[in-house]
Amino acid sequence: MRPIVIKLGGLAVESPERATPLLSAIAAAHRERGGVVVVHGGGKAVDDHLSALGIVSVRREGLRVTGEREIGEIVAVLAGKVNKSIVGAMISIGAPAVGLCLGDGGFARATRITPGGMDIGFVGEVTGGDPRLARVLLDEGFMPVFSPIGFDESGRALNINGDDAAAGVASIIGARLLVLLTDVAGVLDGDGRLVESLDAAGAESLIESGVVTGGMIPKVRAALGAAARAGVSAVIASWNQPDVLVALARGEVRGTRFKPGEIRKGGSVG
């Protein structure tokens, strides 16, 4: 069975030692057939680090502007401090985690992006890759934990949005499910009700109307992108409900689901 990809954020990234229920649920999901590949973010940790250095963080369309001064610090935080904190916390509960960045072993190829023609610096997207590294680790029972740092053709580090990175990983390994964790149960409509399933038109309508804003925008687009590019079902779910991960690993329906093919907004999903 193919693995699932879980995008970590929130408490699990900021203070993984305090997120034992969630990490334990990820470990339990990894024991299900196919295993788990983790991709993490770390925006708050980067913000705090840059702020301590006197650098003001700037975002455009939810993406961090990353200049010459910032990129080295971001690599240090995401591929270093954050990644190893998560791996250490996973190891402490008996999960066989292995910390990596997207560019390690040529796993993911990346290129710089200029959304809407804007120059946002050393920010990239995953454009392809070689799944063998992840497959070798999964086949031996290990859990890959990727930081969202890729390399361009010249080997220069690129900062990749964590949700987009997770979608890219799901595409590379042919995952059976991509789970994007956030602090809500899923995508909510204008009345605060859970949208059980969503298509591209419905998602853009919610974005244009201002119902979906901020960091949820790249999550929605990453989920749609994963479903469209790789035929991978994607789910947005809450990290506050760890049991959801095991249920998803077992094929149950939770959160807001984006499925390949025909998707109905607000309808039931199979």
Protein backbone atom coordinates (compact mmCIF):
# COMPACT_ATOMS: atom_id res chain seq x y z
CA MET A 1 0.00 0.00 0.00
CA ARG A 2 1.18 3.52 -0.76
CA PRO A 3 2.17 5.86 2.11
CA ILE A 4 0.34 8.91 3.35
CA VAL A 5 2.00 12.33 3.60
CA ILE A 6 1.32 14.45 6.68
CA LYS A 7 2.13 18.18 6.77
CA LEU A 8 2.97 19.28 10.31
CA GLY A 9 2.53 22.79 11.67
CA GLY A 10 1.38 24.55 14.82
CA LEU A 11 2.32 23.15 18.22
CA ALA A 12 4.01 20.07 16.74
CA VAL A 13 6.56 22.38 15.11
CA GLU A 14 6.77 25.13 17.72
CA SER A 15 7.04 22.82 20.76
CA PRO A 16 7.12 19.17 19.63
CA GLU A 17 7.90 18.02 23.17
CA ARG A 18 4.43 19.26 24.15
CA ALA A 19 2.67 17.59 21.21
CA THR A 20 3.01 13.98 22.33
CA PRO A 21 -0.62 12.99 21.56
CA LEU A 22 -0.30 14.21 17.98
CA LEU A 23 3.14 12.69 17.44
CA SER A 24 1.94 9.42 18.97
CA ALA A 25 -0.97 9.42 16.51
CA ILE A 26 1.47 9.95 13.64
CA ALA A 27 3.57 7.06 14.92
CA ALA A 28 0.43 4.89 15.09
CA ALA A 29 -0.52 5.92 11.54
CA HIS A 30 3.00 4.99 10.41
CA ARG A 31 2.43 1.47 11.70
CA GLU A 32 -0.51 1.09 9.35
CA ARG A 33 0.23 -0.40 5.93
CA GLY A 34 2.18 1.97 3.68
CA GLY A 35 3.66 4.11 6.43
CA VAL A 36 3.90 7.88 6.78
CA VAL A 37 6.10 10.59 5.31
CA VAL A 38 6.14 13.85 7.30
CA VAL A 39 6.74 17.33 5.87
CA HIS A 40 6.91 20.22 8.33
CA GLY A 41 6.73 23.99 8.20
CA GLY A 42 8.00 26.38 10.82
CA GLY A 43 6.89 29.87 9.90
CA LYS A 44 6.58 31.09 13.48
CA ALA A 45 10.01 29.77 14.42
CA VAL A 46 11.48 31.58 11.40
CA ASP A 47 9.60 34.78 12.27
CA ASP A 48 10.88 34.68 15.86
CA HIS A 49 14.45 34.00 14.75
CA LEU A 50 14.49 36.74 12.11
CA SER A 51 12.87 39.18 14.53
CA ALA A 52 15.62 38.51 17.07
CA LEU A 53 18.09 39.46 14.33
CA GLY A 54 16.19 42.66 13.60
CA ILE A 55 14.81 41.40 10.28
CA VAL A 56 11.15 42.19 9.55
CA SER A 57 9.32 39.31 7.85
CA VAL A 58 7.35 40.23 4.71
CA ARG A 59 4.77 37.99 3.00
CA ARG A 60 3.07 38.31 -0.36
CA GLU A 61 0.08 36.12 -1.16
CA GLY A 62 0.92 34.04 1.91
CA LEU A 63 4.53 33.39 0.79
CA ARG A 64 7.57 34.68 2.65
CA VAL A 65 9.84 37.10 0.80
CA THR A 66 13.28 35.52 1.17
CA GLY A 67 16.35 37.58 0.32
CA GLU A 68 20.08 36.90 0.50
CA ARG A 69 20.20 37.76 4.17
CA GLU A 70 17.23 35.62 5.12
CA ILE A 71 17.85 32.36 3.25
CA GLY A 72 20.79 31.16 5.33
CA GLU A 73 18.94 31.86 8.56
CA ILE A 74 15.80 30.12 7.29
CA VAL A 75 17.78 27.01 6.32
CA ALA A 76 19.35 26.96 9.79
CA VAL A 77 15.96 27.16 11.48
CA LEU A 78 13.93 24.82 9.28
CA ALA A 79 16.48 22.17 8.25
CA GLY A 80 18.31 22.44 11.56
CA LYS A 81 16.55 23.45 14.75
CA VAL A 82 12.94 22.68 13.79
CA ASN A 83 13.63 19.45 11.91
CA LYS A 84 15.83 17.99 14.61
CA SER A 85 13.42 19.02 17.37
CA ILE A 86 10.64 17.08 15.64
CA VAL A 87 12.86 14.08 14.98
CA GLY A 88 14.08 14.07 18.57
CA ALA A 89 10.52 14.19 19.91
CA MET A 90 9.50 11.35 17.58
CA ILE A 91 12.49 9.24 18.62
CA SER A 92 11.62 9.81 22.28
CA ILE A 93 8.26 8.06 21.78
CA GLY A 94 9.77 5.21 19.81
CA ALA A 95 9.00 6.40 16.28
CA PRO A 96 11.80 5.62 13.75
CA ALA A 97 12.06 9.17 12.35
CA VAL A 98 14.82 10.27 9.99
CA GLY A 99 15.34 14.01 9.41
CA LEU A 100 15.96 15.27 5.88
CA CYS A 101 15.48 18.29 3.65
CA LEU A 102 13.70 18.05 0.30
CA GLY A 103 16.93 18.36 -1.66
CA ASP A 104 18.74 15.51 0.09
CA GLY A 105 19.72 12.68 -2.22
CA GLY A 106 18.09 14.50 -5.13
CA PHE A 107 14.71 13.51 -3.71
CA ALA A 108 13.01 16.72 -4.88
CA ARG A 109 13.92 19.12 -7.68
CA ALA A 110 13.05 22.77 -7.11
CA THR A 111 13.03 26.04 -9.01
CA ARG A 112 12.50 29.67 -8.03
CA ILE A 113 9.02 31.11 -8.41
CA THR A 114 7.76 34.61 -9.22
CA PRO A 115 4.03 34.58 -8.41
CA GLY A 116 2.21 37.17 -10.46
CA GLY A 117 5.57 38.38 -11.74
CA MET A 118 6.70 39.35 -8.22
CA ASP A 119 10.31 38.77 -7.21
CA ILE A 120 10.10 37.20 -3.75
CA GLY A 121 13.70 36.03 -3.64
CA PHE A 122 14.91 32.54 -2.83
CA VAL A 123 11.47 30.96 -2.72
CA GLY A 124 10.83 27.86 -4.75
CA GLU A 125 8.46 25.13 -5.73
CA VAL A 126 8.89 21.41 -6.23
CA THR A 127 9.05 20.57 -9.93
CA GLY A 128 9.76 16.83 -9.77
CA GLY A 129 12.01 14.36 -8.09
CA ASP A 130 13.24 10.84 -7.46
CA PRO A 131 11.23 8.80 -4.92
CA ARG A 132 13.92 6.21 -4.20
CA LEU A 133 15.28 7.80 -1.02
CA ALA A 134 11.86 7.87 0.64
CA ARG A 135 11.04 4.38 -0.61
CA VAL A 136 14.25 2.91 0.78
CA LEU A 137 13.52 4.42 4.20
CA LEU A 138 9.87 3.36 4.20
CA ASP A 139 10.72 -0.16 3.08
CA GLU A 140 13.02 -0.48 6.08
CA GLY A 141 10.38 0.83 8.46
CA PHE A 142 11.74 4.36 8.89
CA MET A 143 9.64 7.53 8.82
CA PRO A 144 11.12 10.31 6.64
CA VAL A 145 10.68 13.80 8.12
CA PHE A 146 11.32 16.48 5.50
CA SER A 147 12.01 20.16 6.08
CA PRO A 148 10.76 22.41 3.23
CA ILE A 149 14.22 23.34 1.94
CA GLY A 150 15.05 22.48 -1.65
CA PHE A 151 17.92 23.21 -4.02
CA ASP A 152 17.84 24.79 -7.45
CA GLU A 153 19.93 23.53 -10.38
CA SER A 154 22.99 25.36 -9.08
CA GLY A 155 22.61 23.87 -5.61
CA ARG A 156 21.36 27.10 -4.06
CA ALA A 157 18.93 26.63 -1.17
CA LEU A 158 15.32 27.62 -1.72
CA ASN A 159 12.64 28.23 0.88
CA ILE A 160 9.47 26.33 -0.11
CA ASN A 161 6.07 26.90 1.45
CA GLY A 162 5.43 23.91 3.70
CA ASP A 163 2.01 23.09 2.26
CA ASP A 164 3.31 23.28 -1.30
CA ALA A 165 6.30 21.16 -0.28
CA ALA A 166 3.98 18.51 1.14
CA ALA A 167 1.98 18.47 -2.10
CA GLY A 168 5.21 18.04 -4.04
CA VAL A 169 6.30 15.15 -1.84
CA ALA A 170 2.91 13.47 -2.28
CA SER A 171 3.33 13.77 -6.03
CA ILE A 172 6.89 12.41 -6.05
CA ILE A 173 6.14 9.30 -4.00
CA GLY A 174 2.66 8.66 -5.40
CA ALA A 175 1.05 8.93 -1.96
CA ARG A 176 -2.46 7.62 -1.41
CA LEU A 177 -3.34 10.62 0.76
CA LEU A 178 -1.98 14.05 1.67
CA VAL A 179 -3.02 15.39 5.08
CA LEU A 180 -2.56 19.12 5.70
CA LEU A 181 -2.92 19.83 9.41
CA THR A 182 -4.17 23.19 10.66
CA ASP A 183 -5.82 24.59 13.78
CA VAL A 184 -9.36 24.05 12.50
CA ALA A 185 -11.28 20.89 11.61
CA GLY A 186 -11.06 21.75 7.91
CA VAL A 187 -12.17 24.44 5.51
CA LEU A 188 -15.08 26.41 6.96
CA ASP A 189 -17.78 28.20 4.99
CA GLY A 190 -19.09 31.71 5.68
CA ASP A 191 -21.22 30.39 8.54
CA GLY A 192 -18.34 28.56 10.19
CA ARG A 193 -19.55 25.13 9.08
CA LEU A 194 -17.19 22.42 7.85
CA VAL A 195 -17.02 22.01 4.08
CA GLU A 196 -16.75 18.23 3.69
CA SER A 197 -15.53 18.30 0.09
CA LEU A 198 -14.42 21.04 -2.26
CA ASP A 199 -13.53 21.48 -5.92
CA ALA A 200 -11.34 24.12 -7.59
CA ALA A 201 -14.24 26.43 -8.47
CA GLY A 202 -15.67 26.27 -4.97
CA ALA A 203 -12.25 26.90 -3.41
CA GLU A 204 -11.56 29.95 -5.57
CA SER A 205 -15.01 31.30 -4.77
CA LEU A 206 -14.29 31.07 -1.03
CA ILE A 207 -10.90 32.75 -1.54
CA GLU A 208 -12.29 35.57 -3.70
CA SER A 209 -15.13 36.22 -1.26
CA GLY A 210 -12.69 36.49 1.65
CA VAL A 211 -14.03 33.46 3.51
CA VAL A 212 -10.73 31.62 3.04
CA THR A 213 -7.82 33.93 3.90
CA GLY A 214 -4.17 34.05 4.96
CA GLY A 215 -2.37 30.79 5.55
CA MET A 216 -5.41 28.74 4.60
CA ILE A 217 -5.10 29.89 0.97
CA PRO A 218 -1.90 27.92 0.22
CA LYS A 219 -3.33 24.94 2.13
CA VAL A 220 -6.41 24.86 -0.09
CA ARG A 221 -4.37 25.36 -3.25
CA ALA A 222 -1.81 22.75 -2.18
CA ALA A 223 -4.59 20.24 -1.57
CA LEU A 224 -6.15 20.98 -4.95
CA GLY A 225 -2.75 20.85 -6.61
CA ALA A 226 -1.92 17.48 -5.09
CA ALA A 227 -5.21 16.01 -6.22
CA ALA A 228 -4.84 17.45 -9.72
CA ARG A 229 -1.15 16.76 -10.35
CA ALA A 230 -0.74 13.30 -8.90
CA GLY A 231 -4.19 11.81 -8.56
CA VAL A 232 -3.73 12.03 -4.79
CA SER A 233 -6.64 12.54 -2.43
CA ALA A 234 -5.90 15.42 -0.07
CA VAL A 235 -7.43 16.29 3.30
CA ILE A 236 -7.32 19.40 5.46
CA ALA A 237 -7.84 18.38 9.09
CA SER A 238 -7.13 19.58 12.64
CA TRP A 239 -3.94 18.83 14.55
CA ASN A 240 -6.05 19.27 17.70
CA GLN A 241 -7.74 15.93 16.93
CA PRO A 242 -4.88 13.41 16.76
CA ASP A 243 -7.19 10.40 16.42
CA VAL A 244 -8.18 11.75 13.00
CA LEU A 245 -4.78 10.71 11.61
CA VAL A 246 -5.18 7.05 12.47
CA ALA A 247 -8.72 7.12 11.09
CA LEU A 248 -7.44 8.62 7.84
CA ALA A 249 -4.64 6.06 7.64
CA ARG A 250 -7.31 3.37 7.87
CA GLY A 251 -9.29 4.90 5.03
CA GLU A 252 -11.98 6.69 7.03
CA VAL A 253 -13.28 10.15 6.04
CA ARG A 254 -12.38 13.20 8.15
CA GLY A 255 -11.81 16.93 7.59
CA THR A 256 -12.26 18.61 4.20
CA ARG A 257 -11.44 16.25 1.37
CA PHE A 258 -10.17 17.02 -2.13
CA LYS A 259 -10.43 13.98 -4.40
CA PRO A 260 -9.13 13.42 -7.93
CA GLY A 261 -11.90 13.72 -10.49
CA GLU A 262 -15.36 15.01 -9.72
CA ILE A 263 -15.68 16.73 -6.34
CA ARG A 264 -18.84 18.14 -4.83
CA LYS A 265 -18.78 21.08 -2.45
CA GLY A 266 -20.43 20.21 0.84
CA GLY A 267 -21.40 16.71 -0.27
CA SER A 268 -20.53 13.31 1.08
CA VAL A 269 -17.34 11.59 -0.01
CA GLY A 270 -16.35 8.01 -0.27
